[in-house]
Amino acid sequence: MNTHFCKVGNVRPNLSKRFSLKDLEEKYIKFTEDAYNAMHNDANLSDTLYHEASKLRDQILNLKGTNPNDFDAAF
C-alpha cells in the first residue's frame, strides 16, 4: 500500500476561520431575535433559527467551560 497521498495527522483546522467568544455571542443574540421575529410569519424558519441558536449556545458554553445542563436563563 502506498502512503504517498496519506494526509492523516498532517491536516490542521484553519484557525483563522474560528470565531471569538464575542462573535459567537453576537450571532447567538441575532439568531434568537430573528427566530422570535419569524415566529409569527414562518414557524419552520423560526424553528430552524432557534436550532442554530441552540448550537451556538452550546459552542459558547463549551468555550466558557460551562456544562450545558447548568444553563442559566439569564445567560
Protein backbone atom coordinates (compact mmCIF):
# COMPACT_ATOMS: atom_id res chain seq x y z
CA MET A 1 0.00 0.00 0.00
CA ASN A 2 1.37 3.35 -1.00
CA THR A 3 1.15 6.06 1.71
CA HIS A 4 2.26 8.82 -0.63
CA PHE A 5 -1.13 10.61 -0.55
CA CYS A 6 -1.98 9.91 3.11
CA LYS A 7 -2.84 13.10 4.99
CA VAL A 8 -3.74 11.56 8.35
CA GLY A 9 -2.22 13.74 11.05
CA ASN A 10 -0.98 16.32 8.53
CA VAL A 11 -4.20 18.28 8.09
CA ARG A 12 -4.82 21.03 10.63
CA PRO A 13 -8.02 23.04 11.08
CA ASN A 14 -7.97 26.56 9.73
CA LEU A 15 -7.79 28.60 12.92
CA SER A 16 -8.42 31.87 11.11
CA LYS A 17 -11.99 30.74 10.40
CA ARG A 18 -12.79 30.27 14.07
CA PHE A 19 -14.86 32.89 15.80
CA SER A 20 -14.15 34.64 19.05
CA LEU A 21 -16.45 34.28 22.02
CA LYS A 22 -17.83 37.78 21.46
CA ASP A 23 -18.66 36.99 17.82
CA LEU A 24 -20.45 33.80 18.82
CA GLU A 25 -22.46 35.63 21.48
CA GLU A 26 -23.49 38.31 18.97
CA LYS A 27 -24.55 35.65 16.46
CA TYR A 28 -26.49 33.83 19.19
CA ILE A 29 -28.40 37.01 20.05
CA LYS A 30 -29.09 37.73 16.37
CA PHE A 31 -30.37 34.19 15.70
CA THR A 32 -32.65 34.35 18.74
CA GLU A 33 -34.05 37.75 17.76
CA ASP A 34 -34.58 36.65 14.15
CA ALA A 35 -36.27 33.45 15.32
CA TYR A 36 -38.61 35.42 17.56
CA ASN A 37 -39.46 37.84 14.75
CA ALA A 38 -40.08 35.00 12.28
CA MET A 39 -42.27 33.09 14.74
CA HIS A 40 -45.41 34.92 13.63
CA ASN A 41 -44.83 34.55 9.88
CA ASP A 42 -43.00 31.29 9.33
CA ALA A 43 -42.86 28.63 12.06
CA ASN A 44 -40.43 26.42 10.15
CA LEU A 45 -37.92 29.23 9.73
CA SER A 46 -38.32 30.13 13.39
CA ASP A 47 -37.63 26.55 14.46
CA THR A 48 -34.55 26.41 12.25
CA LEU A 49 -33.20 29.67 13.66
CA TYR A 50 -33.83 28.52 17.24
CA HIS A 51 -31.99 25.29 16.46
CA GLU A 52 -28.99 27.20 15.08
CA ALA A 53 -29.08 29.46 18.15
CA SER A 54 -29.02 26.43 20.45
CA LYS A 55 -26.00 25.04 18.61
CA LEU A 56 -24.25 28.38 19.05
CA ARG A 57 -25.23 28.42 22.74
CA ASP A 58 -23.62 25.01 23.17
CA GLN A 59 -20.43 26.25 21.50
CA ILE A 60 -20.37 29.33 23.73
CA LEU A 61 -20.85 27.27 26.87
CA ASN A 62 -18.18 24.85 25.71
CA LEU A 63 -15.72 27.72 25.23
CA LYS A 64 -16.59 29.11 28.65
CA GLY A 65 -16.16 25.66 30.20
CA THR A 66 -19.74 25.52 31.46
CA ASN A 67 -21.94 22.45 31.44
CA PRO A 68 -24.92 22.99 29.04
CA ASN A 69 -27.21 21.30 31.57
CA ASP A 70 -26.40 24.05 34.11
CA PHE A 71 -27.53 26.73 31.66
CA ASP A 72 -28.88 29.85 33.34
CA ALA A 73 -31.78 31.64 31.69
CA ALA A 74 -30.04 35.00 32.18
CA PHE A 75 -27.03 33.84 30.08
